[in-house]
Amino acid sequence: MSTLNSFGLQKAMQKKIKGQIEAAPMRGKSETVDKREQRKRDQEQGLIPFACKLPSALVEQVREQAAAHEGGINGLVAELLAKALTK
């Protein structure tokens, strides 16, 4: 039988806690979808990932407005882009 020093004991406790977290059921998720399945669903809807770099002040404004928007950040950005491009 070996004795654990404080570092070994701390590491063992972290492993135990990590195992408990991973084994715990996800709350609030009725359906889990992996990334591949989500990508497939997005493609079926005609959605394409689009990344760009924006000033932080602008991003903060978008996030604030997206909190109250029905479609979230994706819906808000799509709506704003559509309005801006039709001008």
N, C-alpha and C. Protein backbone atom coordinates (compact mmCIF):
# COMPACT_ATOMS: atom_id res chain seq x y z
N MET A 1 0.84 -1.17 0.00
CA MET A 1 0.00 0.00 0.00
C MET A 1 0.88 1.24 0.00
N SER A 2 0.62 2.13 -0.93
CA SER A 2 1.43 3.34 -1.00
C SER A 2 0.65 4.51 -0.41
N THR A 3 1.39 5.43 0.13
CA THR A 3 0.74 6.62 0.68
C THR A 3 0.82 7.74 -0.35
N LEU A 4 -0.20 8.56 -0.38
CA LEU A 4 -0.25 9.67 -1.33
C LEU A 4 0.22 10.95 -0.65
N ASN A 5 1.05 11.69 -1.34
CA ASN A 5 1.40 13.00 -0.83
C ASN A 5 0.26 13.96 -1.17
N SER A 6 0.36 15.20 -0.79
CA SER A 6 -0.75 16.13 -0.99
C SER A 6 -1.04 16.32 -2.48
N PHE A 7 -0.02 16.33 -3.30
CA PHE A 7 -0.23 16.48 -4.74
C PHE A 7 -0.98 15.28 -5.32
N GLY A 8 -0.59 14.08 -4.92
CA GLY A 8 -1.25 12.88 -5.40
C GLY A 8 -2.69 12.80 -4.93
N LEU A 9 -2.94 13.22 -3.70
CA LEU A 9 -4.29 13.23 -3.16
C LEU A 9 -5.16 14.23 -3.93
N GLN A 10 -4.60 15.41 -4.19
CA GLN A 10 -5.35 16.43 -4.94
C GLN A 10 -5.66 15.94 -6.35
N LYS A 11 -4.71 15.30 -6.98
CA LYS A 11 -4.92 14.78 -8.33
C LYS A 11 -5.99 13.70 -8.34
N ALA A 12 -5.99 12.84 -7.35
CA ALA A 12 -6.99 11.78 -7.25
C ALA A 12 -8.38 12.37 -7.05
N MET A 13 -8.49 13.40 -6.23
CA MET A 13 -9.78 14.06 -6.00
C MET A 13 -10.29 14.72 -7.28
N GLN A 14 -9.40 15.34 -8.05
CA GLN A 14 -9.79 15.97 -9.31
C GLN A 14 -10.32 14.93 -10.28
N LYS A 15 -9.67 13.79 -10.35
CA LYS A 15 -10.13 12.70 -11.21
C LYS A 15 -11.52 12.23 -10.80
N LYS A 16 -11.73 12.10 -9.51
CA LYS A 16 -13.01 11.65 -8.99
C LYS A 16 -14.12 12.65 -9.33
N ILE A 17 -13.85 13.92 -9.12
CA ILE A 17 -14.84 14.96 -9.42
C ILE A 17 -15.13 15.03 -10.91
N LYS A 18 -14.09 14.92 -11.72
CA LYS A 18 -14.27 14.95 -13.18
C LYS A 18 -15.15 13.79 -13.63
N GLY A 19 -14.94 12.62 -13.05
CA GLY A 19 -15.75 11.45 -13.38
C GLY A 19 -17.21 11.65 -12.98
N GLN A 20 -17.44 12.28 -11.83
CA GLN A 20 -18.80 12.54 -11.39
C GLN A 20 -19.50 13.54 -12.31
N ILE A 21 -18.77 14.55 -12.74
CA ILE A 21 -19.34 15.56 -13.64
C ILE A 21 -19.70 14.93 -14.98
N GLU A 22 -18.81 14.11 -15.51
CA GLU A 22 -19.06 13.47 -16.81
C GLU A 22 -20.22 12.48 -16.74
N ALA A 23 -20.40 11.85 -15.59
CA ALA A 23 -21.46 10.85 -15.44
C ALA A 23 -22.82 11.49 -15.14
N ALA A 24 -22.81 12.74 -14.71
CA ALA A 24 -24.06 13.42 -14.35
C ALA A 24 -24.90 13.68 -15.60
N PRO A 25 -26.22 13.52 -15.49
CA PRO A 25 -27.08 13.79 -16.65
C PRO A 25 -27.10 15.28 -16.97
N MET A 26 -27.24 15.57 -18.24
CA MET A 26 -27.30 16.97 -18.68
C MET A 26 -28.67 17.53 -18.34
N ARG A 27 -28.71 18.65 -17.69
CA ARG A 27 -29.99 19.27 -17.34
C ARG A 27 -30.40 20.21 -18.45
N GLY A 28 -31.69 20.21 -18.77
CA GLY A 28 -32.20 21.15 -19.74
C GLY A 28 -32.04 20.71 -21.19
N LYS A 29 -31.43 19.58 -21.41
CA LYS A 29 -31.26 19.10 -22.79
C LYS A 29 -32.09 17.85 -22.96
N SER A 30 -33.14 17.97 -23.76
CA SER A 30 -33.97 16.80 -24.00
C SER A 30 -33.39 15.94 -25.11
N GLU A 31 -32.60 16.56 -25.96
CA GLU A 31 -32.02 15.84 -27.08
C GLU A 31 -30.58 16.28 -27.25
N THR A 32 -29.66 15.33 -27.31
CA THR A 32 -28.27 15.69 -27.54
C THR A 32 -27.95 15.42 -29.00
N VAL A 33 -27.29 16.37 -29.62
CA VAL A 33 -26.93 16.26 -31.03
C VAL A 33 -25.43 16.48 -31.13
N ASP A 34 -24.74 15.54 -31.78
CA ASP A 34 -23.31 15.74 -31.94
C ASP A 34 -23.06 16.76 -33.05
N LYS A 35 -21.83 17.20 -33.16
CA LYS A 35 -21.48 18.26 -34.11
C LYS A 35 -21.77 17.85 -35.55
N ARG A 36 -21.50 16.61 -35.87
CA ARG A 36 -21.73 16.13 -37.24
C ARG A 36 -23.22 16.20 -37.59
N GLU A 37 -24.07 15.76 -36.66
CA GLU A 37 -25.52 15.80 -36.88
C GLU A 37 -26.01 17.24 -36.98
N GLN A 38 -25.47 18.13 -36.12
CA GLN A 38 -25.88 19.53 -36.18
C GLN A 38 -25.47 20.16 -37.51
N ARG A 39 -24.28 19.84 -38.00
CA ARG A 39 -23.82 20.36 -39.30
C ARG A 39 -24.74 19.90 -40.42
N LYS A 40 -25.18 18.62 -40.34
CA LYS A 40 -26.08 18.07 -41.35
C LYS A 40 -27.42 18.82 -41.32
N ARG A 41 -27.94 19.06 -40.11
CA ARG A 41 -29.20 19.80 -39.99
C ARG A 41 -29.06 21.23 -40.54
N ASP A 42 -27.95 21.87 -40.23
CA ASP A 42 -27.72 23.23 -40.72
C ASP A 42 -27.66 23.25 -42.25
N GLN A 43 -26.99 22.28 -42.84
CA GLN A 43 -26.88 22.22 -44.30
C GLN A 43 -28.25 22.01 -44.93
N GLU A 44 -29.09 21.19 -44.32
CA GLU A 44 -30.44 20.96 -44.84
C GLU A 44 -31.26 22.24 -44.83
N GLN A 45 -30.98 23.12 -43.88
CA GLN A 45 -31.69 24.39 -43.78
C GLN A 45 -31.03 25.47 -44.64
N GLY A 46 -29.95 25.13 -45.31
CA GLY A 46 -29.24 26.09 -46.15
C GLY A 46 -28.35 27.04 -45.36
N LEU A 47 -27.99 26.67 -44.15
CA LEU A 47 -27.15 27.51 -43.31
C LEU A 47 -25.67 27.21 -43.55
N ILE A 48 -24.88 28.26 -43.61
CA ILE A 48 -23.44 28.12 -43.84
C ILE A 48 -22.70 28.90 -42.75
N PRO A 49 -21.71 28.29 -42.10
CA PRO A 49 -20.93 29.03 -41.10
C PRO A 49 -20.21 30.21 -41.76
N PHE A 50 -20.20 31.35 -41.07
CA PHE A 50 -19.58 32.54 -41.63
C PHE A 50 -18.89 33.28 -40.49
N ALA A 51 -17.58 33.34 -40.54
CA ALA A 51 -16.81 34.00 -39.49
C ALA A 51 -16.19 35.28 -40.02
N CYS A 52 -16.14 36.29 -39.18
CA CYS A 52 -15.48 37.54 -39.54
C CYS A 52 -14.98 38.21 -38.27
N LYS A 53 -14.10 39.17 -38.44
CA LYS A 53 -13.56 39.91 -37.29
C LYS A 53 -14.23 41.27 -37.23
N LEU A 54 -14.75 41.59 -36.04
CA LEU A 54 -15.48 42.84 -35.83
C LEU A 54 -14.92 43.56 -34.61
N PRO A 55 -15.09 44.87 -34.56
CA PRO A 55 -14.67 45.61 -33.37
C PRO A 55 -15.46 45.16 -32.13
N SER A 56 -14.81 45.11 -31.00
CA SER A 56 -15.44 44.59 -29.79
C SER A 56 -16.68 45.39 -29.39
N ALA A 57 -16.68 46.70 -29.60
CA ALA A 57 -17.84 47.52 -29.25
C ALA A 57 -19.06 47.12 -30.09
N LEU A 58 -18.84 46.83 -31.35
CA LEU A 58 -19.92 46.40 -32.24
C LEU A 58 -20.44 45.03 -31.83
N VAL A 59 -19.55 44.13 -31.49
CA VAL A 59 -19.94 42.79 -31.06
C VAL A 59 -20.78 42.88 -29.79
N GLU A 60 -20.39 43.74 -28.88
CA GLU A 60 -21.16 43.90 -27.64
C GLU A 60 -22.57 44.40 -27.93
N GLN A 61 -22.72 45.33 -28.86
CA GLN A 61 -24.04 45.82 -29.24
C GLN A 61 -24.89 44.69 -29.83
N VAL A 62 -24.28 43.89 -30.68
CA VAL A 62 -25.00 42.78 -31.29
C VAL A 62 -25.44 41.79 -30.22
N ARG A 63 -24.56 41.47 -29.29
CA ARG A 63 -24.90 40.53 -28.22
C ARG A 63 -26.05 41.05 -27.36
N GLU A 64 -26.03 42.34 -27.05
CA GLU A 64 -27.09 42.93 -26.24
C GLU A 64 -28.43 42.83 -26.96
N GLN A 65 -28.45 43.17 -28.24
CA GLN A 65 -29.70 43.11 -29.00
C GLN A 65 -30.14 41.67 -29.24
N ALA A 66 -29.19 40.77 -29.39
CA ALA A 66 -29.51 39.37 -29.65
C ALA A 66 -30.19 38.71 -28.46
N ALA A 67 -29.90 39.20 -27.26
CA ALA A 67 -30.51 38.63 -26.06
C ALA A 67 -32.03 38.77 -26.11
N ALA A 68 -32.52 39.83 -26.73
CA ALA A 68 -33.96 40.06 -26.80
C ALA A 68 -34.55 39.61 -28.14
N HIS A 69 -33.71 39.18 -29.06
CA HIS A 69 -34.18 38.80 -30.40
C HIS A 69 -34.67 37.36 -30.40
N GLU A 70 -35.76 37.13 -31.08
CA GLU A 70 -36.38 35.80 -31.14
C GLU A 70 -35.43 34.74 -31.73
N GLY A 71 -34.64 35.12 -32.72
CA GLY A 71 -33.75 34.16 -33.39
C GLY A 71 -32.36 34.11 -32.80
N GLY A 72 -32.14 34.79 -31.68
CA GLY A 72 -30.81 34.81 -31.08
C GLY A 72 -29.83 35.59 -31.94
N ILE A 73 -28.57 35.35 -31.72
CA ILE A 73 -27.53 36.10 -32.43
C ILE A 73 -27.53 35.77 -33.93
N ASN A 74 -27.77 34.50 -34.28
CA ASN A 74 -27.78 34.14 -35.69
C ASN A 74 -28.93 34.82 -36.43
N GLY A 75 -30.09 34.81 -35.82
CA GLY A 75 -31.25 35.45 -36.44
C GLY A 75 -31.08 36.95 -36.57
N LEU A 76 -30.54 37.58 -35.53
CA LEU A 76 -30.33 39.03 -35.55
C LEU A 76 -29.33 39.42 -36.63
N VAL A 77 -28.21 38.74 -36.69
CA VAL A 77 -27.19 39.08 -37.69
C VAL A 77 -27.74 38.86 -39.10
N ALA A 78 -28.47 37.78 -39.32
CA ALA A 78 -29.06 37.54 -40.64
C ALA A 78 -30.03 38.66 -41.00
N GLU A 79 -30.84 39.09 -40.05
CA GLU A 79 -31.80 40.16 -40.29
C GLU A 79 -31.09 41.49 -40.59
N LEU A 80 -30.09 41.81 -39.80
CA LEU A 80 -29.35 43.06 -40.01
C LEU A 80 -28.62 43.07 -41.35
N LEU A 81 -28.01 41.95 -41.72
CA LEU A 81 -27.31 41.88 -42.99
C LEU A 81 -28.28 42.00 -44.16
N ALA A 82 -29.42 41.34 -44.05
CA ALA A 82 -30.42 41.41 -45.12
C ALA A 82 -30.91 42.84 -45.31
N LYS A 83 -31.17 43.54 -44.20
CA LYS A 83 -31.61 44.93 -44.29
C LYS A 83 -30.53 45.81 -44.92
N ALA A 84 -29.30 45.63 -44.48
CA ALA A 84 -28.20 46.46 -44.98
C ALA A 84 -27.91 46.20 -46.46
N LEU A 85 -28.05 44.97 -46.88
CA LEU A 85 -27.72 44.64 -48.27
C LEU A 85 -28.84 45.00 -49.25
N THR A 86 -30.05 45.24 -48.77
CA THR A 86 -31.13 45.62 -49.67
C THR A 86 -31.21 47.12 -49.88
N LYS A 87 -30.43 47.88 -49.16
CA LYS A 87 -30.43 49.35 -49.31
C LYS A 87 -29.77 49.77 -50.60
